[in-house]
Amino acid sequence: MKPLARVVILLVLGSAAQAHAALPLTGDARGLPTLAPMLAQATPAVVNISVVMRDPGENNPLLRDPFFRRFFNLPEQPRTEQSAGSGVIVDAGRGLVLTNHHVIKDAQEVVVTLKDRRALKAQLAGADPGTDIALLRIPAENLTALKFGDSDALQVGDFVVAIGNPFGIGQTVTSGIVSALGRSGLGIEGYEDFIQTDASINPGNSGGALVNLRGELVGINTAIIGPAGGNVGIGFAVPAAMARQVMAQILRFGEVRRGRLGVSTADLTPETAKQFGVRSGEGAVVVAVEPGSPADKAGLKKGDVLVSANGRPIRGAADVRNRVGLTPVGEEITLGVERSGGRTEIRARVGEPFAVTGAAGEAVPQLAGARVANIEPGMPMYGQVLGVIVASVEAKSAAARNGLRAGDIIYGVGRRRVRSVSAFLAALRAAEAPLRLTLLRGEYRITLTIR
């Protein structure tokens, strides 16, 4: 018997390859079925992204010292390397380009190349490691933008087209269908709500566009599952609705400001629906409400079933995390609630995340810029979970760029549980790259992948 091929999840710097589904096409002047008219409108908005980044070996402060470099006869400028991905112009007037955070992370210089071969230097407007979305600005001169589609209206079986720059060979188009919606728990990102598609997505396509047959943007291509990195028809895209919310916060604040409600939820199952006497087929059941939290003040109770947030349907607990996580601190969120067979709306104001006080913390060499401490009395989750708390994260540090936040509680490194700072540091020393940290952020479990 042949050994099974090892299946891995890959973040792809771009998308494209063989089609898996026949599309219902319109005819051209020759009477032949084609998507060419739609693609003629859409493809100029999809760009190639080249990134010059610092060599990881240059993170040592000594190697950034000009005197040290001259003394040891090292080059004056640190070595750099290039990577390629894709992006989508979403606002021609302001020159706004959406891509993936992992495409531009640690970049010293970003160059956007348009379909007409113009190469434009880009500025980073902001990025959100939690959703793997980044926003760039380029000179707004004769640009073509993609219109946002309604990713919430997608259904399994809808036809979609992926556009990107796979393997750096040039712009490529592939087709397929929506294979599944709301995929989460893959450990690719902190806030997961993926569109799954069989439109071929390959390395080099990260940040590229997933469009519907009207040429509207419904997703940002992000990752694939495949043996040894090859495409097997399982690709993932961040929904356009999520990317659009991230973009709005970056434009407003320069970052995504996440807060908390103070509520723990679980997926609604037929058994729990029967237990709580609700008729909803989908939703998230409230299993705990933190006393004095925004959820408690708003009137949420254990056993409530959350069915919508700001008018958008909630399919499960992951949707609650994503909706709250993309609502800025201090703003209200309107929750559709089913309680005792009736439906009502509850407005809750998203509160500040947990604050960490009184802990200097210990520096973590593998997570430059972060300090961790043991969970002591008075700290969040003391006595409820074993792990270490992130006491502080320096702005713009490597730890911050990888998505770590003050107040996060780390309780796992790879498959190894950690219960103290010493155990955490030992686990980091023994772990292989990429690092996978399992943590609690507020009431939500998140997996961060750090390369």
Protein backbone atom coordinates (compact mmCIF):
# COMPACT_ATOMS: atom_id res chain seq x y z
CA MET A 1 0.00 0.00 0.00
CA LYS A 2 1.33 3.43 -0.91
CA PRO A 3 1.73 5.86 1.96
CA LEU A 4 -0.86 8.58 2.08
CA ALA A 5 0.33 11.94 0.82
CA ARG A 6 0.93 14.38 3.63
CA VAL A 7 -1.77 17.05 3.52
CA VAL A 8 -0.80 20.54 4.60
CA ILE A 9 -2.53 23.89 4.85
CA LEU A 10 -0.59 26.58 3.00
CA LEU A 11 -0.84 30.33 2.97
CA VAL A 12 -0.44 31.06 -0.72
CA LEU A 13 1.40 34.11 -2.01
CA GLY A 14 -1.24 34.36 -4.91
CA SER A 15 -3.98 31.76 -6.94
CA ALA A 16 -4.82 29.69 -10.17
CA ALA A 17 -4.79 26.31 -12.21
CA GLN A 18 -7.21 23.66 -13.50
CA ALA A 19 -10.97 24.27 -13.48
CA HIS A 20 -13.26 21.89 -11.63
CA ALA A 21 -16.68 23.05 -12.72
CA ALA A 22 -18.36 23.98 -15.97
CA LEU A 23 -19.72 27.53 -15.91
CA PRO A 24 -23.06 28.68 -17.36
CA LEU A 25 -21.59 31.09 -19.91
CA THR A 26 -23.04 33.60 -22.33
CA GLY A 27 -22.22 33.47 -26.02
CA ASP A 28 -19.96 35.86 -27.92
CA ALA A 29 -20.22 37.09 -31.51
CA ARG A 30 -19.05 33.69 -32.70
CA GLY A 31 -21.75 31.93 -30.73
CA LEU A 32 -19.18 30.44 -28.34
CA PRO A 33 -19.65 30.39 -24.53
CA THR A 34 -17.24 32.73 -22.77
CA LEU A 35 -16.46 34.70 -19.61
CA ALA A 36 -14.25 37.10 -21.55
CA PRO A 37 -16.54 40.19 -21.33
CA MET A 38 -16.74 39.95 -17.53
CA LEU A 39 -13.02 39.28 -17.19
CA ALA A 40 -12.15 42.21 -19.45
CA GLN A 41 -13.79 44.42 -16.82
CA ALA A 42 -12.42 42.61 -13.74
CA THR A 43 -8.82 41.62 -14.50
CA PRO A 44 -7.36 45.17 -14.71
CA ALA A 45 -8.22 45.56 -11.01
CA VAL A 46 -6.10 42.54 -9.98
CA VAL A 47 -2.42 43.39 -9.50
CA ASN A 48 0.90 41.70 -8.88
CA ILE A 49 2.69 42.56 -5.63
CA SER A 50 6.48 42.36 -5.29
CA VAL A 51 7.97 42.73 -1.83
CA VAL A 52 11.51 43.47 -0.76
CA MET A 53 11.96 42.36 2.83
CA ARG A 54 14.72 42.19 5.40
CA ASP A 55 16.54 38.88 5.62
CA PRO A 56 15.34 37.13 8.83
CA GLY A 57 18.99 36.75 9.87
CA GLU A 58 19.27 40.52 10.12
CA ASN A 59 16.94 40.70 13.13
CA ASN A 60 19.99 40.67 15.42
CA PRO A 61 20.52 44.30 16.58
CA LEU A 62 24.30 43.91 16.13
CA LEU A 63 23.81 43.20 12.44
CA ARG A 64 21.93 46.50 12.10
CA ASP A 65 24.88 48.44 13.59
CA PRO A 66 26.93 50.07 10.75
CA PHE A 67 30.15 49.97 12.85
CA PHE A 68 29.71 46.25 13.58
CA ARG A 69 29.08 45.55 9.89
CA ARG A 70 32.22 47.43 8.83
CA PHE A 71 34.36 45.79 11.53
CA PHE A 72 33.43 42.31 10.31
CA ASN A 73 33.53 43.33 6.64
CA LEU A 74 29.79 42.80 6.15
CA PRO A 75 27.83 44.57 3.39
CA GLU A 76 26.73 48.11 4.31
CA GLN A 77 23.09 47.29 3.55
CA PRO A 78 21.35 44.21 4.99
CA ARG A 79 20.56 41.48 2.51
CA THR A 80 17.06 41.48 1.11
CA GLU A 81 14.84 38.97 -0.60
CA GLN A 82 11.79 39.28 -2.80
CA SER A 83 8.46 37.51 -2.74
CA ALA A 84 5.45 37.85 -4.98
CA GLY A 85 1.73 37.84 -4.35
CA SER A 86 -1.44 39.42 -5.64
CA GLY A 87 -3.77 42.25 -4.70
CA VAL A 88 -7.10 43.83 -5.65
CA ILE A 89 -7.79 47.50 -6.35
CA VAL A 90 -11.02 48.31 -4.51
CA ASP A 91 -11.02 52.12 -4.73
CA ALA A 92 -9.64 53.68 -7.91
CA GLY A 93 -10.13 57.26 -6.70
CA ARG A 94 -8.02 56.76 -3.56
CA GLY A 95 -5.68 54.09 -4.93
CA LEU A 96 -6.63 51.48 -2.31
CA VAL A 97 -5.43 47.90 -2.77
CA LEU A 98 -6.45 44.93 -0.60
CA THR A 99 -4.07 42.01 -0.17
CA ASN A 100 -3.03 39.51 2.52
CA HIS A 101 -1.04 40.52 5.58
CA HIS A 102 1.36 37.60 5.07
CA VAL A 103 2.20 38.92 1.59
CA ILE A 104 3.60 42.23 2.87
CA LYS A 105 4.68 41.33 6.42
CA ASP A 106 8.19 42.64 7.25
CA ALA A 107 8.34 44.42 3.88
CA GLN A 108 10.86 47.22 3.39
CA GLU A 109 9.43 48.10 -0.01
CA VAL A 110 6.25 47.09 -1.83
CA VAL A 111 5.80 47.48 -5.59
CA VAL A 112 2.41 47.01 -7.25
CA THR A 113 2.44 46.07 -10.94
CA LEU A 114 -0.77 46.67 -12.88
CA LYS A 115 -2.05 44.60 -15.79
CA ASP A 116 -0.83 47.34 -18.17
CA ARG A 117 2.68 46.76 -16.72
CA ARG A 118 2.91 50.02 -14.79
CA ALA A 119 4.96 49.50 -11.62
CA LEU A 120 3.95 51.72 -8.68
CA LYS A 121 5.49 51.99 -5.23
CA ALA A 122 2.90 51.31 -2.55
CA GLN A 123 2.49 52.59 0.99
CA LEU A 124 1.13 50.37 3.74
CA ALA A 125 -2.04 51.95 5.14
CA GLY A 126 -2.41 49.24 7.77
CA ALA A 127 -2.71 45.50 8.32
CA ASP A 128 -4.62 43.07 10.51
CA PRO A 129 -2.82 39.77 11.21
CA GLY A 130 -5.98 38.35 12.82
CA THR A 131 -7.83 38.24 9.49
CA ASP A 132 -4.69 38.22 7.30
CA ILE A 133 -5.82 41.38 5.50
CA ALA A 134 -3.63 44.36 4.59
CA LEU A 135 -4.43 47.65 2.85
CA LEU A 136 -2.02 49.43 0.50
CA ARG A 137 -2.13 52.85 -1.18
CA ILE A 138 -0.82 53.51 -4.68
CA PRO A 139 -0.95 56.67 -6.84
CA ALA A 140 -4.56 57.01 -8.04
CA GLU A 141 -3.91 57.47 -11.75
CA ASN A 142 -6.09 55.75 -14.36
CA LEU A 143 -6.91 52.80 -12.13
CA THR A 144 -9.68 50.21 -12.43
CA ALA A 145 -11.37 48.97 -9.26
CA LEU A 146 -13.48 45.92 -8.48
CA LYS A 147 -16.90 46.52 -6.98
CA PHE A 148 -17.63 44.73 -3.71
CA GLY A 149 -20.16 41.93 -3.98
CA ASP A 150 -22.37 40.58 -1.20
CA SER A 151 -20.38 37.68 0.20
CA ASP A 152 -23.10 37.11 2.82
CA ALA A 153 -25.48 36.20 -0.03
CA LEU A 154 -23.20 33.46 -1.40
CA GLN A 155 -24.57 29.93 -1.48
CA VAL A 156 -22.83 26.60 -1.87
CA GLY A 157 -22.89 25.85 -5.58
CA ASP A 158 -22.52 29.46 -6.76
CA PHE A 159 -20.00 29.84 -9.58
CA VAL A 160 -16.86 31.86 -8.81
CA VAL A 161 -13.65 32.83 -10.61
CA ALA A 162 -10.20 33.22 -9.01
CA ILE A 163 -7.79 35.78 -10.45
CA GLY A 164 -4.18 36.12 -9.36
CA ASN A 165 -0.50 35.58 -10.10
CA PRO A 166 0.33 31.92 -9.32
CA PHE A 167 4.01 31.00 -9.09
CA GLY A 168 4.83 34.50 -10.40
CA ILE A 169 4.09 33.43 -13.98
CA GLY A 170 1.64 36.27 -14.66
CA GLN A 171 -2.05 36.97 -14.27
CA THR A 172 -4.09 33.78 -14.43
CA VAL A 173 -7.83 33.04 -14.22
CA THR A 174 -9.44 29.83 -12.93
CA SER A 175 -13.06 28.87 -12.31
CA GLY A 176 -15.05 26.73 -9.92
CA ILE A 177 -17.88 26.84 -7.42
CA VAL A 178 -18.37 27.75 -3.78
CA SER A 179 -17.71 24.41 -2.07
CA ALA A 180 -18.55 25.48 1.50
CA LEU A 181 -19.10 28.57 3.64
CA GLY A 182 -18.05 29.60 7.12
CA ARG A 183 -15.01 27.34 7.34
CA SER A 184 -13.13 27.86 10.62
CA GLY A 185 -10.89 26.01 13.04
CA LEU A 186 -8.18 25.54 10.40
CA GLY A 187 -5.50 27.37 12.36
CA ILE A 188 -4.68 29.61 9.38
CA GLU A 189 -5.83 32.87 10.96
CA GLY A 190 -7.12 34.14 14.27
CA TYR A 191 -10.54 35.15 12.91
CA GLU A 192 -11.67 32.56 10.38
CA ASP A 193 -14.84 32.59 8.28
CA PHE A 194 -13.51 31.23 5.01
CA ILE A 195 -15.22 30.71 1.68
CA GLN A 196 -14.07 27.32 0.40
CA THR A 197 -13.80 26.90 -3.36
CA ASP A 198 -12.51 24.41 -5.91
CA ALA A 199 -11.37 27.22 -8.24
CA SER A 200 -7.68 26.38 -8.44
CA ILE A 201 -5.53 28.41 -6.05
CA ASN A 202 -1.75 27.97 -6.03
CA PRO A 203 1.29 29.61 -4.36
CA GLY A 204 1.61 33.20 -5.56
CA ASN A 205 -2.12 33.88 -5.55
CA SER A 206 -2.46 35.21 -1.98
CA GLY A 207 -4.32 38.50 -1.99
CA GLY A 208 -5.90 37.84 -5.37
CA ALA A 209 -9.59 38.19 -6.17
CA LEU A 210 -12.43 35.71 -5.91
CA VAL A 211 -15.26 37.14 -8.02
CA ASN A 212 -18.80 36.13 -8.92
CA LEU A 213 -20.08 35.96 -12.50
CA ARG A 214 -20.99 39.66 -12.37
CA GLY A 215 -17.32 40.45 -11.79
CA GLU A 216 -17.93 41.55 -8.19
CA LEU A 217 -15.38 40.90 -5.46
CA VAL A 218 -16.66 38.27 -3.03
CA GLY A 219 -13.39 37.11 -1.45
CA ILE A 220 -9.64 37.59 -1.06
CA ASN A 221 -7.77 34.37 -1.89
CA THR A 222 -5.68 33.27 1.07
CA ALA A 223 -4.81 29.59 1.47
CA ILE A 224 -4.99 26.07 0.11
CA ILE A 225 -4.97 22.52 1.43
CA GLY A 226 -2.85 20.19 -0.65
CA PRO A 227 -0.22 17.43 -0.54
CA ALA A 228 3.29 18.93 -0.73
CA GLY A 229 1.82 22.32 -1.64
CA GLY A 230 -0.02 21.24 -4.80
CA ASN A 231 -3.59 22.20 -5.61
CA VAL A 232 -6.25 19.55 -4.99
CA GLY A 233 -9.31 21.73 -5.35
CA ILE A 234 -9.57 22.93 -1.74
CA GLY A 235 -8.88 26.66 -1.50
CA PHE A 236 -9.94 29.35 0.94
CA ALA A 237 -10.80 33.03 0.62
CA VAL A 238 -11.54 35.70 3.22
CA PRO A 239 -15.12 36.92 2.59
CA ALA A 240 -15.36 40.37 1.02
CA ALA A 241 -17.63 41.55 3.86
CA MET A 242 -14.90 40.79 6.42
CA ALA A 243 -12.17 42.39 4.28
CA ARG A 244 -14.33 45.48 3.81
CA GLN A 245 -14.86 45.89 7.57
CA VAL A 246 -11.14 45.52 8.20
CA MET A 247 -10.43 48.15 5.51
CA ALA A 248 -12.92 50.55 7.10
CA GLN A 249 -11.21 50.30 10.50
CA ILE A 250 -7.73 50.68 9.00
CA LEU A 251 -8.83 53.83 7.18
CA ARG A 252 -10.42 55.17 10.36
CA PHE A 253 -7.89 54.14 13.02
CA GLY A 254 -4.85 52.79 11.17
CA GLU A 255 -5.53 49.40 12.76
CA VAL A 256 -8.36 47.08 13.83
CA ARG A 257 -9.51 47.90 17.36
CA ARG A 258 -11.08 44.81 18.88
CA GLY A 259 -13.05 44.69 22.09
CA ARG A 260 -15.21 42.19 23.94
CA LEU A 261 -18.77 41.50 25.02
CA GLY A 262 -18.06 39.16 27.92
CA VAL A 263 -20.13 36.29 26.59
CA SER A 264 -19.18 32.68 25.84
CA THR A 265 -21.06 30.89 23.07
CA ALA A 266 -21.30 27.45 21.47
CA ASP A 267 -22.69 26.25 18.16
CA LEU A 268 -26.42 25.58 18.23
CA THR A 269 -27.17 21.88 17.74
CA PRO A 270 -30.54 20.10 17.50
CA GLU A 271 -29.99 18.88 21.05
CA THR A 272 -29.27 22.33 22.51
CA ALA A 273 -32.11 23.85 20.48
CA LYS A 274 -34.49 21.35 22.03
CA GLN A 275 -32.98 21.92 25.49
CA PHE A 276 -33.54 25.68 25.36
CA GLY A 277 -36.84 25.48 23.50
CA VAL A 278 -35.76 27.46 20.42
CA ARG A 279 -36.77 26.87 16.82
CA SER A 280 -33.69 28.24 15.03
CA GLY A 281 -31.78 25.84 12.82
CA GLU A 282 -28.57 27.91 13.01
CA GLY A 283 -27.13 30.22 15.61
CA ALA A 284 -24.93 30.39 18.69
CA VAL A 285 -26.18 29.56 22.15
CA VAL A 286 -24.98 31.65 25.10
CA VAL A 287 -23.37 29.31 27.63
CA ALA A 288 -21.98 31.95 30.03
CA VAL A 289 -22.20 35.69 30.65
CA GLU A 290 -19.44 37.47 32.59
CA PRO A 291 -20.93 39.50 35.46
CA GLY A 292 -20.64 43.24 34.89
CA SER A 293 -19.60 42.79 31.26
CA PRO A 294 -21.17 44.64 28.29
CA ALA A 295 -23.22 41.51 27.55
CA ASP A 296 -24.51 41.40 31.13
CA LYS A 297 -25.38 45.12 31.08
CA ALA A 298 -27.22 44.68 27.77
CA GLY A 299 -29.41 41.92 29.22
CA LEU A 300 -28.02 38.80 27.53
CA LYS A 301 -28.68 35.60 29.49
CA LYS A 302 -27.46 32.04 29.53
CA GLY A 303 -29.56 30.02 27.08
CA ASP A 304 -30.17 32.91 24.68
CA VAL A 305 -29.60 31.98 21.04
CA LEU A 306 -27.89 34.61 18.92
CA VAL A 307 -29.20 34.46 15.35
CA SER A 308 -27.96 37.73 13.83
CA ALA A 309 -25.53 40.60 14.38
CA ASN A 310 -26.20 43.97 12.76
CA GLY A 311 -28.66 42.27 10.44
CA ARG A 312 -26.22 39.62 9.24
CA PRO A 313 -27.03 35.97 10.07
CA ILE A 314 -25.08 34.09 12.73
CA ARG A 315 -24.45 30.45 11.82
CA GLY A 316 -22.39 29.50 14.86
CA ALA A 317 -20.03 30.59 17.63
CA ALA A 318 -17.27 31.53 15.16
CA ASP A 319 -19.61 34.11 13.62
CA VAL A 320 -20.12 35.75 17.01
CA ARG A 321 -16.37 36.03 17.50
CA ASN A 322 -15.90 37.48 14.01
CA ARG A 323 -18.77 39.99 14.25
CA VAL A 324 -17.67 41.24 17.68
CA GLY A 325 -14.02 41.23 16.65
CA LEU A 326 -14.78 43.58 13.74
CA THR A 327 -16.89 46.02 15.78
CA PRO A 328 -14.73 48.87 17.14
CA VAL A 329 -14.50 49.38 20.88
CA GLY A 330 -17.22 51.75 22.06
CA GLU A 331 -19.62 51.07 19.20
CA GLU A 332 -22.93 49.25 19.55
CA ILE A 333 -23.75 45.91 18.00
CA THR A 334 -27.37 44.88 17.47
CA LEU A 335 -27.94 41.21 18.24
CA GLY A 336 -30.93 39.20 17.09
CA VAL A 337 -31.83 36.94 20.02
CA GLU A 338 -34.21 34.02 20.30
CA ARG A 339 -35.36 33.41 23.86
CA SER A 340 -38.11 31.05 25.05
CA GLY A 341 -39.57 30.74 21.55
CA GLY A 342 -39.71 34.49 20.88
CA ARG A 343 -37.37 36.81 19.06
CA THR A 344 -36.03 40.18 20.19
CA GLU A 345 -33.17 42.55 19.49
CA ILE A 346 -30.59 43.53 22.07
CA ARG A 347 -28.12 46.38 21.62
CA ALA A 348 -24.77 45.95 23.37
CA ARG A 349 -21.82 48.32 23.43
CA VAL A 350 -18.50 46.59 22.73
CA GLY A 351 -16.17 47.10 25.68
CA GLU A 352 -12.43 47.45 26.12
CA PRO A 353 -10.33 44.27 26.02
CA PHE A 354 -8.87 42.91 29.23
CA ALA A 355 -6.21 45.14 30.70
CA VAL A 356 -3.04 43.70 32.22
CA THR A 357 -1.64 45.63 35.16
CA GLY A 358 1.10 45.02 37.69
CA ALA A 359 3.12 42.53 35.63
CA ALA A 360 6.42 43.54 34.01
CA GLY A 361 6.73 40.18 32.34
CA GLU A 362 9.67 38.32 30.87
CA ALA A 363 11.02 38.93 27.37
CA VAL A 364 10.54 36.20 24.76
CA PRO A 365 13.42 35.88 22.25
CA GLN A 366 11.27 34.06 19.67
CA LEU A 367 8.57 36.76 19.90
CA ALA A 368 10.54 39.98 19.76
CA GLY A 369 8.67 42.81 21.45
CA ALA A 370 6.48 40.64 23.69
CA ARG A 371 6.74 40.03 27.43
CA VAL A 372 4.87 37.25 29.24
CA ALA A 373 4.04 36.56 32.88
CA ASN A 374 2.45 33.87 34.99
CA ILE A 375 -1.25 34.36 35.68
CA GLU A 376 -1.47 35.80 39.17
CA PRO A 377 -4.46 36.68 41.39
CA GLY A 378 -6.35 39.67 40.04
CA MET A 379 -5.43 38.94 36.43
CA PRO A 380 -7.98 37.87 33.78
CA MET A 381 -8.86 34.16 33.89
CA TYR A 382 -6.91 33.51 37.12
CA GLY A 383 -7.96 30.11 38.41
CA GLN A 384 -9.91 29.36 35.22
CA VAL A 385 -7.13 28.45 32.80
CA LEU A 386 -3.50 27.39 33.06
CA GLY A 387 -1.08 29.25 30.82
CA VAL A 388 0.88 32.49 30.53
CA ILE A 389 -0.46 35.99 29.97
CA VAL A 390 1.02 38.43 27.48
CA ALA A 391 1.89 41.38 29.72
CA SER A 392 2.89 43.78 26.94
CA VAL A 393 3.57 43.99 23.20
CA GLU A 394 5.66 46.79 21.72
CA ALA A 395 4.03 48.67 18.86
CA LYS A 396 5.34 47.70 15.41
CA SER A 397 7.42 44.85 16.90
CA ALA A 398 7.68 41.39 15.34
CA ALA A 399 5.24 40.08 17.96
CA ALA A 400 2.72 42.81 17.11
CA ARG A 401 3.08 42.18 13.37
CA ASN A 402 2.34 38.51 13.96
CA GLY A 403 -0.91 39.37 15.74
CA LEU A 404 -0.03 38.97 19.42
CA ARG A 405 -1.84 41.35 21.79
CA ALA A 406 -1.45 42.33 25.44
CA GLY A 407 -3.93 40.33 27.53
CA ASP A 408 -3.72 37.21 25.34
CA ILE A 409 -3.44 34.02 27.38
CA ILE A 410 -1.18 31.45 25.72
CA TYR A 411 -1.77 27.87 26.79
CA GLY A 412 -0.32 25.85 23.93
CA VAL A 413 2.76 25.74 21.69
CA GLY A 414 2.09 23.32 18.86
CA ARG A 415 0.64 20.23 20.53
CA ARG A 416 2.31 20.99 23.86
CA ARG A 417 0.35 22.53 26.74
CA VAL A 418 2.13 25.20 28.76
CA ARG A 419 1.24 26.20 32.30
CA SER A 420 4.00 28.64 33.28
CA VAL A 421 6.53 31.05 31.82
CA SER A 422 9.36 28.54 32.22
CA ALA A 423 7.34 25.82 30.46
CA PHE A 424 6.38 28.27 27.71
CA LEU A 425 9.98 29.32 27.03
CA ALA A 426 11.10 25.67 27.03
CA ALA A 427 8.34 24.76 24.57
CA LEU A 428 9.38 27.61 22.26
CA ARG A 429 13.01 26.45 22.29
CA ALA A 430 11.95 22.91 21.35
CA ALA A 431 9.33 23.89 18.74
CA GLU A 432 9.94 23.71 15.00
CA ALA A 433 9.00 26.50 12.60
CA PRO A 434 6.40 27.68 11.96
CA LEU A 435 5.33 28.30 15.55
CA ARG A 436 1.67 27.61 16.35
CA LEU A 437 0.41 29.30 19.49
CA THR A 438 -2.98 28.42 20.97
CA LEU A 439 -4.39 31.25 23.05
CA LEU A 440 -7.45 32.83 24.57
CA ARG A 441 -8.32 36.39 23.59
CA GLY A 442 -11.17 37.53 25.76
CA GLU A 443 -13.64 34.68 25.51
CA TYR A 444 -12.35 33.30 22.21
CA ARG A 445 -9.85 30.59 21.36
CA ILE A 446 -7.39 31.58 18.61
CA THR A 447 -4.50 29.85 16.89
CA LEU A 448 -1.66 32.09 15.69
CA THR A 449 0.84 30.80 13.13
CA ILE A 450 4.18 32.59 13.38
CA ARG A 451 6.78 32.22 10.66
